[in-house]
Amino acid sequence: MHHEFPEFDAKISELKVADAHFKKLSDQYDEVNHSIHRIESGVENHADEVLTELRKKRLHLKDELYALLSK
């Protein structure tokens, strides 16, 4: 997630330790992002609908994380 928000690099590291909710969202984001990359690279095969739903979930998580980072 550091590559998504390089301007918040230190704050991301801090919140992952200090804020359980932020850590949970960050872990979920990493899992969803990893799944998307596996599908896009052809390692896993899924219907387009699955990929679309994963992308929506990733965007929602990213929005939530950004809101916490920009407080």
PDB file of N, CA and C in Angstrom:
ATOM      1  N   MET A   1       0.814  -1.182   0.000  1.00  0.00           N
ATOM      2  CA  MET A   1       0.000   0.000   0.000  1.00  0.00           C
ATOM      3  C   MET A   1       0.869   1.262   0.000  1.00  0.00           C
ATOM      4  N   HIS A   2       2.103   1.119   0.389  1.00  0.00           N
ATOM      5  CA  HIS A   2       3.006   2.271   0.408  1.00  0.00           C
ATOM      6  C   HIS A   2       3.150   2.891  -0.988  1.00  0.00           C
ATOM      7  N   HIS A   3       3.089   2.046  -2.019  1.00  0.00           N
ATOM      8  CA  HIS A   3       3.235   2.572  -3.381  1.00  0.00           C
ATOM      9  C   HIS A   3       2.001   3.359  -3.826  1.00  0.00           C
ATOM     10  N   GLU A   4       0.853   3.095  -3.212  1.00  0.00           N
ATOM     11  CA  GLU A   4      -0.373   3.825  -3.540  1.00  0.00           C
ATOM     12  C   GLU A   4      -0.366   5.234  -2.941  1.00  0.00           C
ATOM     13  N   PHE A   5       0.207   5.354  -1.755  1.00  0.00           N
ATOM     14  CA  PHE A   5       0.226   6.624  -1.031  1.00  0.00           C
ATOM     15  C   PHE A   5       1.631   6.940  -0.521  1.00  0.00           C
ATOM     16  N   PRO A   6       2.575   7.189  -1.414  1.00  0.00           N
ATOM     17  CA  PRO A   6       3.955   7.414  -0.963  1.00  0.00           C
ATOM     18  C   PRO A   6       4.098   8.629  -0.046  1.00  0.00           C
ATOM     19  N   GLU A   7       3.197   9.587  -0.186  1.00  0.00           N
ATOM     20  CA  GLU A   7       3.268  10.781   0.663  1.00  0.00           C
ATOM     21  C   GLU A   7       2.910  10.476   2.116  1.00  0.00           C
ATOM     22  N   PHE A   8       2.291   9.319   2.358  1.00  0.00           N
ATOM     23  CA  PHE A   8       1.898   8.913   3.712  1.00  0.00           C
ATOM     24  C   PHE A   8       2.729   7.733   4.216  1.00  0.00           C
ATOM     25  N   ASP A   9       3.892   7.530   3.661  1.00  0.00           N
ATOM     26  CA  ASP A   9       4.710   6.357   3.982  1.00  0.00           C
ATOM     27  C   ASP A   9       4.902   6.166   5.484  1.00  0.00           C
ATOM     28  N   ALA A  10       5.353   7.202   6.174  1.00  0.00           N
ATOM     29  CA  ALA A  10       5.597   7.092   7.620  1.00  0.00           C
ATOM     30  C   ALA A  10       4.297   6.878   8.381  1.00  0.00           C
ATOM     31  N   LYS A  11       3.243   7.558   7.975  1.00  0.00           N
ATOM     32  CA  LYS A  11       1.964   7.437   8.673  1.00  0.00           C
ATOM     33  C   LYS A  11       1.362   6.041   8.493  1.00  0.00           C
ATOM     34  N   ILE A  12       1.544   5.443   7.320  1.00  0.00           N
ATOM     35  CA  ILE A  12       1.063   4.078   7.085  1.00  0.00           C
ATOM     36  C   ILE A  12       1.737   3.120   8.061  1.00  0.00           C
ATOM     37  N   SER A  13       3.048   3.217   8.166  1.00  0.00           N
ATOM     38  CA  SER A  13       3.793   2.344   9.087  1.00  0.00           C
ATOM     39  C   SER A  13       3.331   2.550  10.521  1.00  0.00           C
ATOM     40  N   GLU A  14       3.129   3.793  10.905  1.00  0.00           N
ATOM     41  CA  GLU A  14       2.684   4.122  12.265  1.00  0.00           C
ATOM     42  C   GLU A  14       1.288   3.564  12.544  1.00  0.00           C
ATOM     43  N   LEU A  15       0.368   3.780  11.619  1.00  0.00           N
ATOM     44  CA  LEU A  15      -1.014   3.332  11.846  1.00  0.00           C
ATOM     45  C   LEU A  15      -1.151   1.816  11.833  1.00  0.00           C
ATOM     46  N   LYS A  16      -0.316   1.128  11.054  1.00  0.00           N
ATOM     47  CA  LYS A  16      -0.376  -0.335  11.039  1.00  0.00           C
ATOM     48  C   LYS A  16      -0.062  -0.916  12.414  1.00  0.00           C
ATOM     49  N   VAL A  17       0.715  -0.186  13.207  1.00  0.00           N
ATOM     50  CA  VAL A  17       1.082  -0.635  14.547  1.00  0.00           C
ATOM     51  C   VAL A  17       0.091  -0.123  15.590  1.00  0.00           C
ATOM     52  N   ALA A  18      -0.341   1.119  15.437  1.00  0.00           N
ATOM     53  CA  ALA A  18      -1.128   1.783  16.478  1.00  0.00           C
ATOM     54  C   ALA A  18      -2.639   1.645  16.326  1.00  0.00           C
ATOM     55  N   ASP A  19      -3.133   1.323  15.132  1.00  0.00           N
ATOM     56  CA  ASP A  19      -4.570   1.327  14.880  1.00  0.00           C
ATOM     57  C   ASP A  19      -4.998  -0.012  14.288  1.00  0.00           C
ATOM     58  N   ALA A  20      -5.675  -0.816  15.092  1.00  0.00           N
ATOM     59  CA  ALA A  20      -6.085  -2.165  14.670  1.00  0.00           C
ATOM     60  C   ALA A  20      -7.033  -2.116  13.475  1.00  0.00           C
ATOM     61  N   HIS A  21      -7.920  -1.132  13.446  1.00  0.00           N
ATOM     62  CA  HIS A  21      -8.856  -1.014  12.329  1.00  0.00           C
ATOM     63  C   HIS A  21      -8.105  -0.697  11.028  1.00  0.00           C
ATOM     64  N   PHE A  22      -7.164   0.223  11.098  1.00  0.00           N
ATOM     65  CA  PHE A  22      -6.364   0.556   9.921  1.00  0.00           C
ATOM     66  C   PHE A  22      -5.588  -0.680   9.454  1.00  0.00           C
ATOM     67  N   LYS A  23      -4.993  -1.407  10.383  1.00  0.00           N
ATOM     68  CA  LYS A  23      -4.237  -2.620  10.030  1.00  0.00           C
ATOM     69  C   LYS A  23      -5.125  -3.635   9.332  1.00  0.00           C
ATOM     70  N   LYS A  24      -6.343  -3.818   9.850  1.00  0.00           N
ATOM     71  CA  LYS A  24      -7.275  -4.777   9.247  1.00  0.00           C
ATOM     72  C   LYS A  24      -7.627  -4.355   7.818  1.00  0.00           C
ATOM     73  N   LEU A  25      -7.945  -3.079   7.628  1.00  0.00           N
ATOM     74  CA  LEU A  25      -8.264  -2.586   6.290  1.00  0.00           C
ATOM     75  C   LEU A  25      -7.064  -2.717   5.353  1.00  0.00           C
ATOM     76  N   SER A  26      -5.890  -2.419   5.859  1.00  0.00           N
ATOM     77  CA  SER A  26      -4.673  -2.520   5.063  1.00  0.00           C
ATOM     78  C   SER A  26      -4.413  -3.966   4.642  1.00  0.00           C
ATOM     79  N   ASP A  27      -4.583  -4.888   5.554  1.00  0.00           N
ATOM     80  CA  ASP A  27      -4.398  -6.307   5.240  1.00  0.00           C
ATOM     81  C   ASP A  27      -5.415  -6.775   4.198  1.00  0.00           C
ATOM     82  N   GLN A  28      -6.673  -6.333   4.351  1.00  0.00           N
ATOM     83  CA  GLN A  28      -7.704  -6.682   3.379  1.00  0.00           C
ATOM     84  C   GLN A  28      -7.356  -6.114   2.009  1.00  0.00           C
ATOM     85  N   TYR A  29      -6.903  -4.865   1.982  1.00  0.00           N
ATOM     86  CA  TYR A  29      -6.503  -4.233   0.728  1.00  0.00           C
ATOM     87  C   TYR A  29      -5.395  -5.051   0.054  1.00  0.00           C
ATOM     88  N   ASP A  30      -4.385  -5.426   0.823  1.00  0.00           N
ATOM     89  CA  ASP A  30      -3.266  -6.198   0.267  1.00  0.00           C
ATOM     90  C   ASP A  30      -3.741  -7.535  -0.299  1.00  0.00           C
ATOM     91  N   GLU A  31      -4.656  -8.213   0.398  1.00  0.00           N
ATOM     92  CA  GLU A  31      -5.180  -9.501  -0.071  1.00  0.00           C
ATOM     93  C   GLU A  31      -5.959  -9.342  -1.375  1.00  0.00           C
ATOM     94  N   VAL A  32      -6.842  -8.352  -1.421  1.00  0.00           N
ATOM     95  CA  VAL A  32      -7.648  -8.115  -2.618  1.00  0.00           C
ATOM     96  C   VAL A  32      -6.740  -7.707  -3.784  1.00  0.00           C
ATOM     97  N   ASN A  33      -5.803  -6.838  -3.523  1.00  0.00           N
ATOM     98  CA  ASN A  33      -4.880  -6.386  -4.556  1.00  0.00           C
ATOM     99  C   ASN A  33      -4.067  -7.556  -5.110  1.00  0.00           C
ATOM    100  N   HIS A  34      -3.625  -8.431  -4.235  1.00  0.00           N
ATOM    101  CA  HIS A  34      -2.866  -9.612  -4.655  1.00  0.00           C
ATOM    102  C   HIS A  34      -3.739 -10.509  -5.543  1.00  0.00           C
ATOM    103  N   SER A  35      -4.984 -10.713  -5.149  1.00  0.00           N
ATOM    104  CA  SER A  35      -5.900 -11.544  -5.948  1.00  0.00           C
ATOM    105  C   SER A  35      -6.113 -10.940  -7.332  1.00  0.00           C
ATOM    106  N   ILE A  36      -6.278  -9.638  -7.396  1.00  0.00           N
ATOM    107  CA  ILE A  36      -6.471  -8.960  -8.680  1.00  0.00           C
ATOM    108  C   ILE A  36      -5.251  -9.159  -9.573  1.00  0.00           C
ATOM    109  N   HIS A  37      -4.072  -8.984  -9.004  1.00  0.00           N
ATOM    110  CA  HIS A  37      -2.846  -9.152  -9.801  1.00  0.00           C
ATOM    111  C   HIS A  37      -2.684 -10.581 -10.296  1.00  0.00           C
ATOM    112  N   ARG A  38      -3.080 -11.558  -9.494  1.00  0.00           N
ATOM    113  CA  ARG A  38      -2.995 -12.960  -9.915  1.00  0.00           C
ATOM    114  C   ARG A  38      -3.939 -13.236 -11.080  1.00  0.00           C
ATOM    115  N   ILE A  39      -5.129 -12.660 -11.033  1.00  0.00           N
ATOM    116  CA  ILE A  39      -6.089 -12.845 -12.127  1.00  0.00           C
ATOM    117  C   ILE A  39      -5.604 -12.130 -13.380  1.00  0.00           C
ATOM    118  N   GLU A  40      -5.166 -10.879 -13.220  1.00  0.00           N
ATOM    119  CA  GLU A  40      -4.723 -10.090 -14.369  1.00  0.00           C
ATOM    120  C   GLU A  40      -3.486 -10.678 -15.043  1.00  0.00           C
ATOM    121  N   SER A  41      -2.643 -11.330 -14.275  1.00  0.00           N
ATOM    122  CA  SER A  41      -1.425 -11.914 -14.850  1.00  0.00           C
ATOM    123  C   SER A  41      -1.651 -13.328 -15.392  1.00  0.00           C
ATOM    124  N   GLY A  42      -2.861 -13.857 -15.219  1.00  0.00           N
ATOM    125  CA  GLY A  42      -3.184 -15.167 -15.765  1.00  0.00           C
ATOM    126  C   GLY A  42      -2.842 -16.330 -14.867  1.00  0.00           C
ATOM    127  N   VAL A  43      -2.381 -16.057 -13.654  1.00  0.00           N
ATOM    128  CA  VAL A  43      -2.053 -17.125 -12.711  1.00  0.00           C
ATOM    129  C   VAL A  43      -3.330 -17.840 -12.260  1.00  0.00           C
ATOM    130  N   GLU A  44      -4.396 -17.065 -12.096  1.00  0.00           N
ATOM    131  CA  GLU A  44      -5.706 -17.614 -11.729  1.00  0.00           C
ATOM    132  C   GLU A  44      -6.717 -17.207 -12.787  1.00  0.00           C
ATOM    133  N   ASN A  45      -7.700 -18.062 -13.002  1.00  0.00           N
ATOM    134  CA  ASN A  45      -8.759 -17.756 -13.958  1.00  0.00           C
ATOM    135  C   ASN A  45     -10.078 -17.598 -13.223  1.00  0.00           C
ATOM    136  N   HIS A  46     -10.748 -16.485 -13.471  1.00  0.00           N
ATOM    137  CA  HIS A  46     -12.054 -16.223 -12.875  1.00  0.00           C
ATOM    138  C   HIS A  46     -12.902 -15.481 -13.893  1.00  0.00           C
ATOM    139  N   ALA A  47     -14.198 -15.513 -13.674  1.00  0.00           N
ATOM    140  CA  ALA A  47     -15.107 -14.765 -14.539  1.00  0.00           C
ATOM    141  C   ALA A  47     -14.842 -13.276 -14.408  1.00  0.00           C
ATOM    142  N   ASP A  48     -15.165 -12.546 -15.453  1.00  0.00           N
ATOM    143  CA  ASP A  48     -14.974 -11.097 -15.436  1.00  0.00           C
ATOM    144  C   ASP A  48     -15.709 -10.443 -14.278  1.00  0.00           C
ATOM    145  N   GLU A  49     -16.848 -11.002 -13.897  1.00  0.00           N
ATOM    146  CA  GLU A  49     -17.631 -10.435 -12.798  1.00  0.00           C
ATOM    147  C   GLU A  49     -16.858 -10.488 -11.483  1.00  0.00           C
ATOM    148  N   VAL A  50     -16.100 -11.550 -11.285  1.00  0.00           N
ATOM    149  CA  VAL A  50     -15.292 -11.695 -10.068  1.00  0.00           C
ATOM    150  C   VAL A  50     -14.228 -10.609 -10.028  1.00  0.00           C
ATOM    151  N   LEU A  51     -13.557 -10.408 -11.147  1.00  0.00           N
ATOM    152  CA  LEU A  51     -12.521  -9.381 -11.226  1.00  0.00           C
ATOM    153  C   LEU A  51     -13.124  -7.999 -11.007  1.00  0.00           C
ATOM    154  N   THR A  52     -14.277  -7.754 -11.582  1.00  0.00           N
ATOM    155  CA  THR A  52     -14.949  -6.459 -11.407  1.00  0.00           C
ATOM    156  C   THR A  52     -15.295  -6.224  -9.949  1.00  0.00           C
ATOM    157  N   GLU A  53     -15.816  -7.222  -9.282  1.00  0.00           N
ATOM    158  CA  GLU A  53     -16.177  -7.089  -7.860  1.00  0.00           C
ATOM    159  C   GLU A  53     -14.937  -6.869  -6.995  1.00  0.00           C
ATOM    160  N   LEU A  54     -13.860  -7.565  -7.310  1.00  0.00           N
ATOM    161  CA  LEU A  54     -12.613  -7.368  -6.568  1.00  0.00           C
ATOM    162  C   LEU A  54     -12.085  -5.949  -6.754  1.00  0.00           C
ATOM    163  N   ARG A  55     -12.176  -5.444  -7.963  1.00  0.00           N
ATOM    164  CA  ARG A  55     -11.722  -4.065  -8.213  1.00  0.00           C
ATOM    165  C   ARG A  55     -12.565  -3.056  -7.448  1.00  0.00           C
ATOM    166  N   LYS A  56     -13.873  -3.290  -7.377  1.00  0.00           N
ATOM    167  CA  LYS A  56     -14.755  -2.404  -6.609  1.00  0.00           C
ATOM    168  C   LYS A  56     -14.401  -2.444  -5.124  1.00  0.00           C
ATOM    169  N   LYS A  57     -14.148  -3.651  -4.626  1.00  0.00           N
ATOM    170  CA  LYS A  57     -13.784  -3.805  -3.219  1.00  0.00           C
ATOM    171  C   LYS A  57     -12.456  -3.102  -2.927  1.00  0.00           C
ATOM    172  N   ARG A  58     -11.489  -3.250  -3.840  1.00  0.00           N
ATOM    173  CA  ARG A  58     -10.188  -2.597  -3.661  1.00  0.00           C
ATOM    174  C   ARG A  58     -10.352  -1.083  -3.627  1.00  0.00           C
ATOM    175  N   LEU A  59     -11.170  -0.542  -4.508  1.00  0.00           N
ATOM    176  CA  LEU A  59     -11.392   0.897  -4.547  1.00  0.00           C
ATOM    177  C   LEU A  59     -12.049   1.384  -3.256  1.00  0.00           C
ATOM    178  N   HIS A  60     -13.020   0.631  -2.770  1.00  0.00           N
ATOM    179  CA  HIS A  60     -13.684   0.993  -1.515  1.00  0.00           C
ATOM    180  C   HIS A  60     -12.683   0.985  -0.351  1.00  0.00           C
ATOM    181  N   LEU A  61     -11.858  -0.049  -0.270  1.00  0.00           N
ATOM    182  CA  LEU A  61     -10.849  -0.132   0.785  1.00  0.00           C
ATOM    183  C   LEU A  61      -9.845   1.011   0.669  1.00  0.00           C
ATOM    184  N   LYS A  62      -9.440   1.310  -0.553  1.00  0.00           N
ATOM    185  CA  LYS A  62      -8.484   2.394  -0.774  1.00  0.00           C
ATOM    186  C   LYS A  62      -9.075   3.722  -0.311  1.00  0.00           C
ATOM    187  N   ASP A  63     -10.350   3.947  -0.593  1.00  0.00           N
ATOM    188  CA  ASP A  63     -11.021   5.172  -0.161  1.00  0.00           C
ATOM    189  C   ASP A  63     -11.063   5.260   1.373  1.00  0.00           C
ATOM    190  N   GLU A  64     -11.382   4.139   2.010  1.00  0.00           N
ATOM    191  CA  GLU A  64     -11.430   4.119   3.483  1.00  0.00           C
ATOM    192  C   GLU A  64     -10.049   4.391   4.070  1.00  0.00           C
ATOM    193  N   LEU A  65      -9.044   3.764   3.515  1.00  0.00           N
ATOM    194  CA  LEU A  65      -7.678   3.947   4.003  1.00  0.00           C
ATOM    195  C   LEU A  65      -7.230   5.391   3.813  1.00  0.00           C
ATOM    196  N   TYR A  66      -7.531   5.961   2.672  1.00  0.00           N
ATOM    197  CA  TYR A  66      -7.155   7.348   2.416  1.00  0.00           C
ATOM    198  C   TYR A  66      -7.822   8.285   3.423  1.00  0.00           C
ATOM    199  N   ALA A  67      -9.077   8.019   3.718  1.00  0.00           N
ATOM    200  CA  ALA A  67      -9.793   8.854   4.691  1.00  0.00           C
ATOM    201  C   ALA A  67      -9.100   8.809   6.052  1.00  0.00           C
ATOM    202  N   LEU A  68      -8.643   7.636   6.456  1.00  0.00           N
ATOM    203  CA  LEU A  68      -7.940   7.507   7.738  1.00  0.00           C
ATOM    204  C   LEU A  68      -6.570   8.190   7.686  1.00  0.00           C
ATOM    205  N   LEU A  69      -5.908   8.075   6.561  1.00  0.00           N
ATOM    206  CA  LEU A  69      -4.577   8.676   6.430  1.00  0.00           C
ATOM    207  C   LEU A  69      -4.625  10.197   6.379  1.00  0.00           C
ATOM    208  N   SER A  70      -5.681  10.737   5.841  1.00  0.00           N
ATOM    209  CA  SER A  70      -5.743  12.192   5.651  1.00  0.00           C
ATOM    210  C   SER A  70      -6.370  12.918   6.819  1.00  0.00           C
ATOM    211  N   LYS A  71      -6.627  12.221   7.912  1.00  0.00           N
ATOM    212  CA  LYS A  71      -7.179  12.865   9.126  1.00  0.00           C
ATOM    213  C   LYS A  71      -6.151  13.778   9.744  1.00  0.00           C
TER     214      LYS A  71
END
